[in-house]
Amino acid sequence: MKKRIIIIFSSFILAVAALWIGSFIYANDFSVPTYADEKLSSLQKVLIMFPHADDEALTSGGLISRLAKEKAQIQWIVLTQGEKGNPEGKTDEKLKQIRSGEARKAADVYGVSKLALREYPDGDVAAHREKLTEEVEEIIVSSNPDLIITYDQAGLYGHPDHVVTSEVVTEITKKFPSIQLWYASYPRRILDSVSLPEEMALDVNFKNKRVYPTIKIWVGLRGVINKIKAVYLYESQRNSYVNSFPITFIPLWFYVSLTPFEYYYVAR
């Protein structure tokens, strides 16, 4: 009986290991060049700008953690307080406090001390484009970053807040040619495998603006662990995470563990 239990347990472990290795190979695009460590170490000031708390977790959480460990000055701007972050997409004022609190906890996990939570209306940032443009330029002038990270101009899946954030940041950075601009991205086959809420897109042709990675960055075990912690901290968004992956009963930590690399498109 004991021998049978050992055999069953060993077989289970081997099956899980085989599943992880196969999934890891599928989830990563090894044809994308790895960004040099010395170039990454030269980044002293980095500006992260996304419209919602949790936008950074799977896209950039590992890189943020790595940069923070390497003592880079990181400024993380969240433009909205996520009051429409529910399955119905309806305003829930209670979510503002919840999601802001989740972002602060995630910042602690990453090691980020400069987190700014703005109050643009969730789902309607585009209506305040002029104000956003002015504020983004002020932030860039005052922080003078070496690198800015945001979404691509497809907004990953066409979310209007994502799109306008990218458009504004992209346009403003043209005035500052010394600043690098990276769009958080994913390998093509990953985007083809996951289920994203594309019904939120206002532009049905948003995929024509989508870009794919030109660099990948090794974030390591610490980066992966911090991403897992952050994903679980965003309890209000748990269902959206679960529903985006192909097999919903596989735990989130398994999927996140497949991402010791993060991918970016170098816009400039």
Protein backbone atom coordinates (compact mmCIF):
# COMPACT_ATOMS: atom_id res chain seq x y z
CA MET A 1 0.00 0.00 0.00
CA LYS A 2 2.79 2.39 0.95
CA LYS A 3 4.64 1.62 -2.26
CA ARG A 4 1.49 2.32 -4.30
CA ILE A 5 1.02 5.68 -2.58
CA ILE A 6 4.64 6.60 -3.36
CA ILE A 7 4.16 5.63 -7.00
CA ILE A 8 0.94 7.61 -7.30
CA PHE A 9 2.48 10.66 -5.62
CA SER A 10 5.62 10.47 -7.78
CA SER A 11 3.52 10.14 -10.92
CA PHE A 12 1.49 13.18 -9.90
CA ILE A 13 4.63 15.25 -9.31
CA LEU A 14 6.05 14.21 -12.67
CA ALA A 15 2.79 15.04 -14.42
CA VAL A 16 2.68 18.50 -12.84
CA ALA A 17 6.34 19.10 -13.74
CA ALA A 18 5.71 18.02 -17.33
CA LEU A 19 2.66 20.29 -17.53
CA TRP A 20 4.64 23.23 -16.16
CA ILE A 21 7.58 22.72 -18.55
CA GLY A 22 5.30 22.38 -21.56
CA SER A 23 3.29 25.43 -20.51
CA PHE A 24 6.47 27.44 -19.88
CA ILE A 25 7.78 26.66 -23.36
CA TYR A 26 4.43 27.62 -24.88
CA ALA A 27 4.04 30.82 -22.83
CA ASN A 28 7.41 32.30 -23.76
CA ASP A 29 8.81 33.48 -27.06
CA PHE A 30 12.52 32.72 -27.02
CA SER A 31 13.02 34.39 -30.40
CA VAL A 32 12.54 37.78 -28.74
CA PRO A 33 15.93 39.25 -27.73
CA THR A 34 16.69 39.48 -24.01
CA TYR A 35 17.38 43.00 -22.82
CA ALA A 36 20.92 43.37 -21.54
CA ASP A 37 21.36 43.52 -17.76
CA GLU A 38 23.78 46.43 -17.99
CA LYS A 39 21.24 48.47 -19.94
CA LEU A 40 18.58 47.72 -17.37
CA SER A 41 20.92 48.66 -14.53
CA SER A 42 21.54 52.03 -16.15
CA LEU A 43 17.88 53.03 -15.70
CA GLN A 44 17.81 55.33 -12.69
CA LYS A 45 14.33 56.87 -12.94
CA VAL A 46 11.31 55.00 -14.28
CA LEU A 47 7.73 56.20 -14.71
CA ILE A 48 4.97 53.57 -14.77
CA MET A 49 1.63 54.88 -16.00
CA PHE A 50 -1.54 52.80 -16.27
CA PRO A 51 -5.20 53.81 -15.86
CA HIS A 52 -6.19 51.15 -13.33
CA ALA A 53 -4.80 49.46 -10.26
CA ASP A 54 -3.90 45.87 -11.32
CA ASP A 55 -3.00 46.86 -14.92
CA GLU A 56 0.65 46.50 -13.95
CA ALA A 57 0.49 43.16 -12.12
CA LEU A 58 0.85 40.71 -15.00
CA THR A 59 2.36 43.14 -17.50
CA SER A 60 5.12 44.78 -15.47
CA GLY A 61 5.02 43.63 -11.85
CA GLY A 62 8.21 41.61 -12.17
CA LEU A 63 10.19 44.40 -13.83
CA ILE A 64 8.97 46.92 -11.26
CA SER A 65 10.18 44.59 -8.51
CA ARG A 66 13.54 44.09 -10.16
CA LEU A 67 14.09 47.81 -10.74
CA ALA A 68 13.09 48.59 -7.16
CA LYS A 69 15.58 46.02 -5.87
CA GLU A 70 18.27 47.64 -8.02
CA LYS A 71 17.46 51.00 -6.36
CA ALA A 72 15.94 52.71 -9.36
CA GLN A 73 13.57 55.57 -8.54
CA ILE A 74 10.13 54.35 -9.58
CA GLN A 75 7.08 56.56 -9.86
CA TRP A 76 3.85 54.63 -10.42
CA ILE A 77 0.81 56.60 -11.55
CA VAL A 78 -2.69 55.06 -11.47
CA LEU A 79 -5.09 57.38 -13.26
CA THR A 80 -8.44 56.10 -11.95
CA GLN A 81 -9.68 54.51 -8.74
CA GLY A 82 -11.41 51.69 -10.58
CA GLU A 83 -15.00 52.27 -9.52
CA LYS A 84 -16.29 50.32 -12.54
CA GLY A 85 -14.09 47.30 -11.92
CA ASN A 86 -16.94 44.79 -11.60
CA PRO A 87 -18.49 42.28 -14.04
CA GLU A 88 -21.33 44.68 -14.86
CA GLY A 89 -19.04 47.64 -15.48
CA LYS A 90 -21.28 49.80 -13.29
CA THR A 91 -20.10 52.50 -10.91
CA ASP A 92 -19.54 51.25 -7.37
CA GLU A 93 -18.14 53.96 -5.12
CA LYS A 94 -17.01 51.36 -2.58
CA LEU A 95 -14.60 49.97 -5.13
CA LYS A 96 -12.59 53.20 -5.08
CA GLN A 97 -11.35 52.59 -1.56
CA ILE A 98 -10.95 48.85 -2.11
CA ARG A 99 -8.92 49.10 -5.29
CA SER A 100 -6.83 52.01 -4.04
CA GLY A 101 -5.99 49.95 -0.97
CA GLU A 102 -5.05 46.98 -3.14
CA ALA A 103 -2.73 49.17 -5.20
CA ARG A 104 -0.98 50.45 -2.07
CA LYS A 105 -0.43 46.89 -0.87
CA ALA A 106 0.93 45.91 -4.28
CA ALA A 107 3.30 48.88 -4.21
CA ASP A 108 4.65 47.64 -0.88
CA VAL A 109 5.20 44.19 -2.41
CA TYR A 110 7.10 45.64 -5.38
CA GLY A 111 9.09 48.01 -3.20
CA VAL A 112 7.64 51.16 -4.76
CA SER A 113 7.41 54.18 -2.44
CA LYS A 114 6.09 56.73 -4.97
CA LEU A 115 2.55 55.68 -5.84
CA ALA A 116 0.09 58.36 -7.00
CA LEU A 117 -3.62 57.57 -7.31
CA ARG A 118 -5.44 60.05 -9.50
CA GLU A 119 -9.21 60.45 -9.76
CA TYR A 120 -10.06 60.37 -13.44
CA PRO A 121 -13.43 58.65 -13.98
CA ASP A 122 -13.09 54.94 -14.58
CA GLY A 123 -14.14 54.11 -18.13
CA ASP A 124 -14.27 57.76 -19.19
CA VAL A 125 -10.69 59.01 -19.06
CA ALA A 126 -10.95 60.07 -22.71
CA ALA A 127 -13.49 62.76 -21.77
CA HIS A 128 -10.70 64.48 -19.84
CA ARG A 129 -8.02 64.16 -22.47
CA GLU A 130 -6.96 67.82 -22.34
CA LYS A 131 -6.50 67.76 -18.58
CA LEU A 132 -4.70 64.41 -18.79
CA THR A 133 -2.34 65.75 -21.44
CA GLU A 134 -1.41 68.71 -19.26
CA GLU A 135 -0.92 66.53 -16.20
CA VAL A 136 1.16 63.91 -17.99
CA GLU A 137 3.48 66.59 -19.33
CA GLU A 138 3.83 68.09 -15.85
CA ILE A 139 4.66 64.68 -14.40
CA ILE A 140 7.27 63.98 -17.06
CA VAL A 141 8.90 67.39 -16.66
CA SER A 142 9.04 67.09 -12.86
CA SER A 143 10.21 63.46 -12.74
CA ASN A 144 12.49 63.52 -15.82
CA PRO A 145 12.45 59.72 -16.20
CA ASP A 146 14.87 57.61 -18.22
CA LEU A 147 12.02 55.27 -19.16
CA ILE A 148 8.22 55.35 -19.32
CA ILE A 149 6.13 52.16 -19.40
CA THR A 150 2.48 52.07 -20.43
CA TYR A 151 0.09 50.18 -22.73
CA ASP A 152 0.37 50.09 -26.51
CA GLN A 153 -2.06 52.15 -28.58
CA ALA A 154 -4.40 49.18 -28.90
CA GLY A 155 -4.76 49.35 -25.12
CA LEU A 156 -3.96 45.61 -25.09
CA TYR A 157 -7.61 44.71 -25.65
CA GLY A 158 -9.11 47.99 -26.75
CA HIS A 159 -10.20 49.35 -23.36
CA PRO A 160 -10.78 53.07 -24.01
CA ASP A 161 -8.96 54.13 -20.82
CA HIS A 162 -5.94 52.07 -21.86
CA VAL A 163 -6.01 53.53 -25.37
CA VAL A 164 -6.21 57.19 -24.37
CA THR A 165 -3.49 56.73 -21.75
CA SER A 166 -1.16 55.29 -24.37
CA GLU A 167 -2.03 57.92 -26.95
CA VAL A 168 -1.42 60.80 -24.56
CA VAL A 169 1.80 59.40 -23.14
CA THR A 170 3.09 58.58 -26.62
CA GLU A 171 2.33 62.05 -27.95
CA ILE A 172 3.85 63.86 -24.97
CA THR A 173 7.08 61.84 -24.98
CA LYS A 174 7.77 63.01 -28.53
CA LYS A 175 8.78 66.29 -26.89
CA PHE A 176 11.43 64.48 -24.83
CA PRO A 177 13.62 62.50 -27.25
CA SER A 178 16.00 61.31 -24.53
CA ILE A 179 13.25 59.40 -22.71
CA GLN A 180 12.69 55.78 -23.64
CA LEU A 181 9.11 54.57 -24.11
CA TRP A 182 8.12 50.92 -23.75
CA TYR A 183 4.73 49.35 -24.30
CA ALA A 184 3.90 46.36 -22.11
CA SER A 185 3.20 43.48 -24.45
CA TYR A 186 2.79 39.71 -24.76
CA PRO A 187 3.87 37.09 -27.28
CA ARG A 188 1.34 36.67 -30.08
CA ARG A 189 0.35 33.11 -29.16
CA ILE A 190 -0.40 34.15 -25.58
CA LEU A 191 -2.74 36.87 -26.78
CA ASP A 192 -4.37 34.29 -29.04
CA SER A 193 -4.84 31.90 -26.08
CA VAL A 194 -6.28 34.12 -23.36
CA SER A 195 -9.78 35.57 -23.07
CA LEU A 196 -9.66 39.33 -22.71
CA PRO A 197 -12.73 41.60 -22.33
CA GLU A 198 -12.56 42.86 -25.89
CA GLU A 199 -16.24 43.80 -25.76
CA MET A 200 -15.10 46.94 -23.94
CA ALA A 201 -13.34 48.23 -27.06
CA LEU A 202 -14.91 51.22 -28.79
CA ASP A 203 -12.73 50.75 -31.87
CA VAL A 204 -13.55 47.41 -33.52
CA ASN A 205 -10.25 47.62 -35.39
CA PHE A 206 -8.10 48.11 -32.30
CA LYS A 207 -6.01 45.01 -33.07
CA ASN A 208 -4.54 46.82 -36.07
CA LYS A 209 -2.71 49.01 -33.55
CA ARG A 210 -1.48 46.12 -31.44
CA VAL A 211 2.27 45.62 -31.22
CA TYR A 212 4.27 42.58 -30.24
CA PRO A 213 7.43 42.31 -28.14
CA THR A 214 10.80 43.46 -29.36
CA ILE A 215 12.55 42.72 -26.05
CA LYS A 216 12.08 40.39 -23.12
CA ILE A 217 13.37 40.94 -19.60
CA TRP A 218 14.31 38.31 -17.05
CA VAL A 219 12.55 39.18 -13.79
CA GLY A 220 13.65 36.05 -11.93
CA LEU A 221 12.16 34.13 -9.04
CA ARG A 222 11.71 37.21 -6.86
CA GLY A 223 9.84 38.99 -9.64
CA VAL A 224 7.55 36.01 -10.19
CA ILE A 225 6.84 35.63 -6.48
CA ASN A 226 5.99 39.31 -6.18
CA LYS A 227 3.69 39.08 -9.19
CA ILE A 228 1.89 36.14 -7.58
CA LYS A 229 1.55 38.11 -4.35
CA ALA A 230 0.19 41.13 -6.22
CA VAL A 231 -2.34 39.10 -8.22
CA TYR A 232 -3.72 37.61 -5.01
CA LEU A 233 -3.76 41.02 -3.35
CA TYR A 234 -6.10 42.29 -6.06
CA GLU A 235 -9.00 40.35 -4.60
CA SER A 236 -11.61 42.61 -6.19
CA GLN A 237 -10.32 41.56 -9.63
CA ARG A 238 -9.88 37.85 -8.93
CA ASN A 239 -12.67 36.74 -11.27
CA SER A 240 -11.32 38.77 -14.16
CA TYR A 241 -7.93 37.11 -13.75
CA VAL A 242 -9.40 33.62 -13.51
CA ASN A 243 -11.69 34.08 -16.50
CA SER A 244 -8.90 35.33 -18.73
CA PHE A 245 -6.95 32.08 -18.60
CA PRO A 246 -7.85 29.06 -20.75
CA ILE A 247 -8.49 26.55 -17.93
CA THR A 248 -10.21 28.23 -15.01
CA PHE A 249 -9.68 25.48 -12.41
CA ILE A 250 -5.88 25.74 -12.67
CA PRO A 251 -4.74 28.07 -9.86
CA LEU A 252 -3.58 31.57 -10.71
CA TRP A 253 -0.16 31.03 -9.16
CA PHE A 254 0.54 28.30 -11.73
CA TYR A 255 -0.11 30.63 -14.65
CA VAL A 256 1.91 33.48 -13.13
CA SER A 257 4.80 31.11 -12.39
CA LEU A 258 5.23 30.69 -16.15
CA THR A 259 6.37 34.31 -16.51
CA PRO A 260 9.97 34.79 -15.35
CA PHE A 261 10.24 36.88 -18.52
CA GLU A 262 8.23 40.02 -19.22
CA TYR A 263 7.80 41.39 -22.71
CA TYR A 264 7.91 44.92 -24.09
CA TYR A 265 7.75 46.73 -27.39
CA VAL A 266 10.34 49.48 -27.57
CA ALA A 267 8.39 52.38 -29.02
CA ARG A 268 11.38 54.65 -28.73
